[in-house]
């Protein structure tokens, strides 16, 4: 909320990402950005090309967007990242909303295995 309240909607995703990283770090919350996702097929690594926007406390994936409207593919992308990384929770965050509460969607990992 702090980052959105400061800038409002309409900027590039990369700017929101940098500001959110700073905000979390100022609150002593551990955050990693552009974390590689290892994709395996039948035990073989086939790709490290995908990246998580932000990983908070090694538990929560934040998938950031700055788009006019979230599309079904955005949810699918986050759900796939959750499945590949076995993280319990993700948030799909669209900074390009007039009402930011509509731009924050909690996405639990239905495949999570502790």
N, C-alpha and C. Protein backbone atom coordinates (compact mmCIF):
# COMPACT_ATOMS: atom_id res chain seq x y z
N UNK A 1 0.82 -1.19 0.00
CA UNK A 1 0.00 0.00 0.00
C UNK A 1 0.87 1.26 0.00
N UNK A 2 1.94 1.22 0.76
CA UNK A 2 2.79 2.41 0.90
C UNK A 2 3.33 2.85 -0.46
N UNK A 3 3.81 1.90 -1.25
CA UNK A 3 4.37 2.22 -2.56
C UNK A 3 3.27 2.76 -3.48
N UNK A 4 2.13 2.11 -3.48
CA UNK A 4 1.01 2.58 -4.31
C UNK A 4 0.56 3.98 -3.89
N UNK A 5 0.43 4.19 -2.59
CA UNK A 5 0.01 5.51 -2.11
C UNK A 5 1.00 6.60 -2.48
N UNK A 6 2.27 6.26 -2.54
CA UNK A 6 3.30 7.24 -2.91
C UNK A 6 3.23 7.61 -4.39
N UNK A 7 3.13 6.61 -5.25
CA UNK A 7 3.20 6.86 -6.70
C UNK A 7 1.85 6.92 -7.39
N UNK A 8 0.89 6.10 -6.94
CA UNK A 8 -0.36 5.97 -7.66
C UNK A 8 -0.17 5.06 -8.86
N UNK A 9 -1.22 4.90 -9.67
CA UNK A 9 -1.15 4.00 -10.83
C UNK A 9 -0.45 4.65 -12.02
N UNK A 10 -0.08 3.80 -12.99
CA UNK A 10 0.35 4.30 -14.29
C UNK A 10 1.83 4.26 -14.59
N UNK A 11 2.66 3.78 -13.66
CA UNK A 11 4.10 3.72 -13.92
C UNK A 11 4.51 2.32 -14.34
N UNK A 12 5.77 2.17 -14.69
CA UNK A 12 6.29 0.87 -15.11
C UNK A 12 6.42 -0.10 -13.93
N UNK A 13 6.21 -1.35 -14.22
CA UNK A 13 6.33 -2.40 -13.20
C UNK A 13 7.69 -2.37 -12.51
N UNK A 14 8.75 -2.13 -13.27
CA UNK A 14 10.11 -2.15 -12.71
C UNK A 14 10.29 -1.08 -11.64
N UNK A 15 9.64 0.05 -11.77
CA UNK A 15 9.75 1.10 -10.76
C UNK A 15 9.06 0.67 -9.47
N UNK A 16 7.87 0.10 -9.60
CA UNK A 16 7.17 -0.39 -8.42
C UNK A 16 7.98 -1.48 -7.73
N UNK A 17 8.60 -2.34 -8.51
CA UNK A 17 9.42 -3.41 -7.94
C UNK A 17 10.56 -2.85 -7.11
N UNK A 18 11.29 -1.89 -7.65
CA UNK A 18 12.42 -1.30 -6.92
C UNK A 18 11.95 -0.61 -5.65
N UNK A 19 10.85 0.12 -5.73
CA UNK A 19 10.33 0.81 -4.55
C UNK A 19 9.84 -0.18 -3.50
N UNK A 20 9.19 -1.25 -3.93
CA UNK A 20 8.69 -2.25 -2.99
C UNK A 20 9.84 -2.97 -2.30
N UNK A 21 10.89 -3.24 -3.02
CA UNK A 21 12.09 -3.85 -2.41
C UNK A 21 12.62 -2.95 -1.30
N UNK A 22 12.76 -1.66 -1.60
CA UNK A 22 13.26 -0.71 -0.60
C UNK A 22 12.33 -0.65 0.61
N UNK A 23 11.02 -0.61 0.36
CA UNK A 23 10.05 -0.52 1.45
C UNK A 23 10.13 -1.75 2.36
N UNK A 24 10.21 -2.93 1.77
CA UNK A 24 10.32 -4.15 2.57
C UNK A 24 11.63 -4.18 3.35
N UNK A 25 12.72 -3.80 2.72
CA UNK A 25 14.02 -3.78 3.41
C UNK A 25 14.02 -2.78 4.56
N UNK A 26 13.38 -1.63 4.39
CA UNK A 26 13.31 -0.64 5.47
C UNK A 26 12.51 -1.18 6.66
N UNK A 27 11.66 -2.16 6.41
CA UNK A 27 10.88 -2.79 7.48
C UNK A 27 11.54 -4.08 7.98
N UNK A 28 12.81 -4.28 7.58
CA UNK A 28 13.58 -5.46 7.98
C UNK A 28 12.92 -6.77 7.55
N UNK A 29 12.30 -6.74 6.38
CA UNK A 29 11.71 -7.94 5.80
C UNK A 29 12.64 -8.43 4.69
N UNK A 30 12.99 -9.69 4.75
CA UNK A 30 13.91 -10.26 3.77
C UNK A 30 13.21 -10.41 2.42
N UNK A 31 13.82 -9.88 1.39
CA UNK A 31 13.24 -9.93 0.05
C UNK A 31 14.34 -10.17 -0.97
N UNK A 32 14.03 -11.02 -1.94
CA UNK A 32 14.93 -11.27 -3.06
C UNK A 32 14.18 -10.90 -4.34
N UNK A 33 14.90 -10.36 -5.31
CA UNK A 33 14.24 -10.00 -6.56
C UNK A 33 14.80 -10.80 -7.73
N UNK A 34 13.93 -11.01 -8.71
CA UNK A 34 14.29 -11.72 -9.93
C UNK A 34 14.96 -13.06 -9.63
N UNK A 35 14.31 -13.83 -8.79
CA UNK A 35 14.82 -15.13 -8.34
C UNK A 35 14.60 -16.17 -9.44
N UNK A 36 15.68 -16.85 -9.88
CA UNK A 36 15.52 -17.86 -10.92
C UNK A 36 14.66 -19.02 -10.46
N UNK A 37 13.86 -19.52 -11.37
CA UNK A 37 13.01 -20.69 -11.11
C UNK A 37 13.55 -21.84 -11.94
N UNK A 38 13.92 -22.90 -11.24
CA UNK A 38 14.44 -24.09 -11.92
C UNK A 38 13.27 -24.94 -12.40
N UNK A 39 13.25 -25.22 -13.68
CA UNK A 39 12.21 -26.06 -14.26
C UNK A 39 12.82 -27.40 -14.60
N UNK A 40 12.18 -28.46 -14.05
CA UNK A 40 12.69 -29.80 -14.33
C UNK A 40 11.62 -30.62 -15.04
N UNK A 41 12.10 -31.57 -15.79
CA UNK A 41 11.20 -32.50 -16.47
C UNK A 41 11.76 -33.90 -16.24
N UNK A 42 10.99 -34.71 -15.53
CA UNK A 42 11.38 -36.08 -15.22
C UNK A 42 12.79 -36.15 -14.63
N UNK A 43 13.03 -35.23 -13.67
CA UNK A 43 14.30 -35.22 -12.96
C UNK A 43 15.44 -34.50 -13.65
N UNK A 44 15.19 -33.94 -14.83
CA UNK A 44 16.23 -33.23 -15.57
C UNK A 44 15.94 -31.74 -15.60
N UNK A 45 16.94 -30.93 -15.28
CA UNK A 45 16.78 -29.47 -15.37
C UNK A 45 16.73 -29.09 -16.84
N UNK A 46 15.66 -28.41 -17.22
CA UNK A 46 15.54 -28.01 -18.62
C UNK A 46 15.54 -26.49 -18.80
N UNK A 47 15.41 -25.75 -17.67
CA UNK A 47 15.41 -24.30 -17.80
C UNK A 47 15.64 -23.62 -16.47
N UNK A 48 16.33 -22.50 -16.51
CA UNK A 48 16.46 -21.55 -15.40
C UNK A 48 16.08 -20.16 -15.89
N UNK A 49 15.31 -20.08 -16.96
CA UNK A 49 15.01 -18.82 -17.63
C UNK A 49 13.90 -18.01 -16.99
N UNK A 50 13.07 -18.64 -16.16
CA UNK A 50 11.96 -17.92 -15.54
C UNK A 50 12.42 -17.26 -14.25
N UNK A 51 11.80 -16.15 -13.89
CA UNK A 51 12.19 -15.38 -12.71
C UNK A 51 10.95 -15.00 -11.90
N UNK A 52 11.06 -15.15 -10.58
CA UNK A 52 10.05 -14.62 -9.68
C UNK A 52 10.33 -13.13 -9.53
N UNK A 53 9.30 -12.30 -9.58
CA UNK A 53 9.54 -10.87 -9.38
C UNK A 53 10.15 -10.64 -8.00
N UNK A 54 9.44 -11.08 -6.96
CA UNK A 54 9.95 -10.94 -5.59
C UNK A 54 9.63 -12.19 -4.80
N UNK A 55 10.55 -12.55 -3.92
CA UNK A 55 10.35 -13.65 -2.99
C UNK A 55 10.58 -13.09 -1.59
N UNK A 56 9.54 -13.15 -0.76
CA UNK A 56 9.57 -12.55 0.58
C UNK A 56 9.74 -13.65 1.61
N UNK A 57 10.77 -13.50 2.45
CA UNK A 57 11.06 -14.45 3.53
C UNK A 57 11.13 -15.90 3.05
N UNK A 58 11.51 -16.10 1.81
CA UNK A 58 11.63 -17.43 1.21
C UNK A 58 10.32 -18.23 1.28
N UNK A 59 9.19 -17.50 1.37
CA UNK A 59 7.88 -18.16 1.51
C UNK A 59 6.83 -17.65 0.55
N UNK A 60 6.84 -16.35 0.30
CA UNK A 60 5.74 -15.71 -0.42
C UNK A 60 6.25 -15.12 -1.73
N UNK A 61 5.60 -15.50 -2.83
CA UNK A 61 5.94 -14.96 -4.14
C UNK A 61 5.05 -13.75 -4.41
N UNK A 62 5.67 -12.64 -4.79
CA UNK A 62 4.92 -11.47 -5.23
C UNK A 62 5.11 -11.33 -6.73
N UNK A 63 4.03 -11.47 -7.47
CA UNK A 63 4.06 -11.31 -8.93
C UNK A 63 3.47 -9.94 -9.22
N UNK A 64 4.32 -9.04 -9.69
CA UNK A 64 3.93 -7.65 -9.88
C UNK A 64 3.52 -7.37 -11.32
N UNK A 65 2.48 -6.58 -11.45
CA UNK A 65 1.99 -6.15 -12.77
C UNK A 65 1.66 -4.67 -12.71
N UNK A 66 1.68 -4.05 -13.87
CA UNK A 66 1.17 -2.70 -14.03
C UNK A 66 0.44 -2.68 -15.37
N UNK A 67 -0.76 -3.27 -15.35
CA UNK A 67 -1.52 -3.47 -16.56
C UNK A 67 -2.93 -2.91 -16.38
N UNK A 68 -3.60 -2.62 -17.50
CA UNK A 68 -4.96 -2.09 -17.44
C UNK A 68 -5.89 -3.07 -16.76
N UNK A 69 -5.73 -4.35 -17.07
CA UNK A 69 -6.59 -5.37 -16.49
C UNK A 69 -5.82 -6.67 -16.39
N UNK A 70 -5.93 -7.32 -15.24
CA UNK A 70 -5.31 -8.64 -15.10
C UNK A 70 -6.01 -9.63 -16.02
N UNK A 71 -5.22 -10.50 -16.62
CA UNK A 71 -5.75 -11.52 -17.53
C UNK A 71 -5.61 -12.89 -16.87
N UNK A 72 -6.38 -13.87 -17.32
CA UNK A 72 -6.26 -15.22 -16.77
C UNK A 72 -4.83 -15.76 -16.79
N UNK A 73 -4.05 -15.38 -17.78
CA UNK A 73 -2.67 -15.87 -17.88
C UNK A 73 -1.82 -15.40 -16.69
N UNK A 74 -2.13 -14.25 -16.12
CA UNK A 74 -1.37 -13.76 -14.97
C UNK A 74 -1.57 -14.67 -13.76
N UNK A 75 -2.80 -15.12 -13.53
CA UNK A 75 -3.08 -16.06 -12.45
C UNK A 75 -2.39 -17.39 -12.71
N UNK A 76 -2.47 -17.86 -13.95
CA UNK A 76 -1.84 -19.14 -14.31
C UNK A 76 -0.33 -19.08 -14.11
N UNK A 77 0.28 -17.96 -14.47
CA UNK A 77 1.72 -17.78 -14.30
C UNK A 77 2.09 -17.91 -12.82
N UNK A 78 1.38 -17.21 -11.95
CA UNK A 78 1.68 -17.27 -10.52
C UNK A 78 1.43 -18.68 -9.97
N UNK A 79 0.34 -19.29 -10.35
CA UNK A 79 0.05 -20.65 -9.88
C UNK A 79 1.14 -21.64 -10.32
N UNK A 80 1.64 -21.48 -11.52
CA UNK A 80 2.72 -22.34 -12.00
C UNK A 80 4.00 -22.09 -11.21
N UNK A 81 4.33 -20.82 -10.94
CA UNK A 81 5.51 -20.51 -10.12
C UNK A 81 5.38 -21.13 -8.73
N UNK A 82 4.18 -21.06 -8.14
CA UNK A 82 3.96 -21.66 -6.82
C UNK A 82 4.20 -23.16 -6.87
N UNK A 83 3.68 -23.80 -7.89
CA UNK A 83 3.84 -25.25 -8.04
C UNK A 83 5.32 -25.62 -8.24
N UNK A 84 6.01 -24.90 -9.11
CA UNK A 84 7.42 -25.21 -9.41
C UNK A 84 8.34 -24.99 -8.22
N UNK A 85 8.03 -24.00 -7.38
CA UNK A 85 8.91 -23.66 -6.26
C UNK A 85 8.45 -24.26 -4.94
N UNK A 86 7.24 -24.82 -4.91
CA UNK A 86 6.63 -25.35 -3.69
C UNK A 86 6.58 -24.30 -2.58
N UNK A 87 6.26 -23.09 -2.93
CA UNK A 87 6.03 -22.03 -1.94
C UNK A 87 4.55 -22.03 -1.59
N UNK A 88 4.20 -21.71 -0.34
CA UNK A 88 2.81 -21.85 0.09
C UNK A 88 1.85 -20.77 -0.40
N UNK A 89 2.37 -19.59 -0.75
CA UNK A 89 1.47 -18.48 -1.01
C UNK A 89 2.06 -17.50 -2.01
N UNK A 90 1.19 -16.94 -2.81
CA UNK A 90 1.59 -15.89 -3.73
C UNK A 90 0.58 -14.75 -3.69
N UNK A 91 1.03 -13.60 -4.09
CA UNK A 91 0.16 -12.43 -4.25
C UNK A 91 0.36 -11.89 -5.65
N UNK A 92 -0.72 -11.73 -6.37
CA UNK A 92 -0.72 -11.08 -7.67
C UNK A 92 -1.08 -9.63 -7.41
N UNK A 93 -0.17 -8.73 -7.72
CA UNK A 93 -0.35 -7.32 -7.39
C UNK A 93 -0.30 -6.48 -8.66
N UNK A 94 -1.41 -5.82 -8.94
CA UNK A 94 -1.49 -4.92 -10.10
C UNK A 94 -1.49 -3.48 -9.60
N UNK A 95 -0.42 -2.77 -9.89
CA UNK A 95 -0.28 -1.39 -9.45
C UNK A 95 -1.07 -0.41 -10.31
N UNK A 96 -1.65 -0.88 -11.39
CA UNK A 96 -2.34 0.03 -12.30
C UNK A 96 -3.86 0.02 -12.06
N UNK A 97 -4.26 -0.02 -10.81
CA UNK A 97 -5.68 0.02 -10.43
C UNK A 97 -5.99 1.37 -9.81
N UNK A 98 -7.17 1.88 -10.05
CA UNK A 98 -7.59 3.12 -9.39
C UNK A 98 -7.83 2.88 -7.91
N UNK A 99 -8.33 1.70 -7.56
CA UNK A 99 -8.51 1.29 -6.17
C UNK A 99 -7.57 0.12 -5.92
N UNK A 100 -6.49 0.38 -5.20
CA UNK A 100 -5.44 -0.62 -5.05
C UNK A 100 -5.94 -1.90 -4.39
N UNK A 101 -6.98 -1.83 -3.56
CA UNK A 101 -7.48 -3.04 -2.92
C UNK A 101 -8.00 -4.05 -3.94
N UNK A 102 -8.38 -3.57 -5.13
CA UNK A 102 -8.80 -4.48 -6.20
C UNK A 102 -7.60 -5.07 -6.93
N UNK A 103 -6.43 -4.51 -6.72
CA UNK A 103 -5.24 -4.97 -7.42
C UNK A 103 -4.39 -5.95 -6.64
N UNK A 104 -4.86 -6.38 -5.48
CA UNK A 104 -4.10 -7.33 -4.65
C UNK A 104 -4.90 -8.62 -4.52
N UNK A 105 -4.40 -9.69 -5.11
CA UNK A 105 -5.11 -10.96 -5.09
C UNK A 105 -4.22 -12.03 -4.46
N UNK A 106 -4.73 -12.62 -3.38
CA UNK A 106 -4.02 -13.69 -2.67
C UNK A 106 -4.25 -15.00 -3.42
N UNK A 107 -3.14 -15.73 -3.67
CA UNK A 107 -3.23 -16.99 -4.41
C UNK A 107 -2.51 -18.08 -3.61
N UNK A 108 -3.28 -18.94 -2.93
CA UNK A 108 -2.64 -20.04 -2.20
C UNK A 108 -2.17 -21.13 -3.16
N UNK A 109 -1.14 -21.84 -2.76
CA UNK A 109 -0.63 -22.95 -3.57
C UNK A 109 -1.38 -24.22 -3.20
N UNK A 110 -2.25 -24.66 -4.09
CA UNK A 110 -3.03 -25.86 -3.79
C UNK A 110 -2.20 -27.14 -3.89
N UNK A 111 -0.98 -27.03 -4.39
CA UNK A 111 -0.08 -28.19 -4.50
C UNK A 111 0.99 -28.19 -3.41
N UNK A 112 0.95 -27.23 -2.50
CA UNK A 112 2.00 -27.07 -1.50
C UNK A 112 2.16 -28.33 -0.66
N UNK A 113 3.44 -28.73 -0.51
CA UNK A 113 3.82 -29.87 0.33
C UNK A 113 4.87 -29.40 1.31
N UNK A 114 4.51 -29.31 2.61
CA UNK A 114 5.50 -28.86 3.61
C UNK A 114 6.68 -29.80 3.72
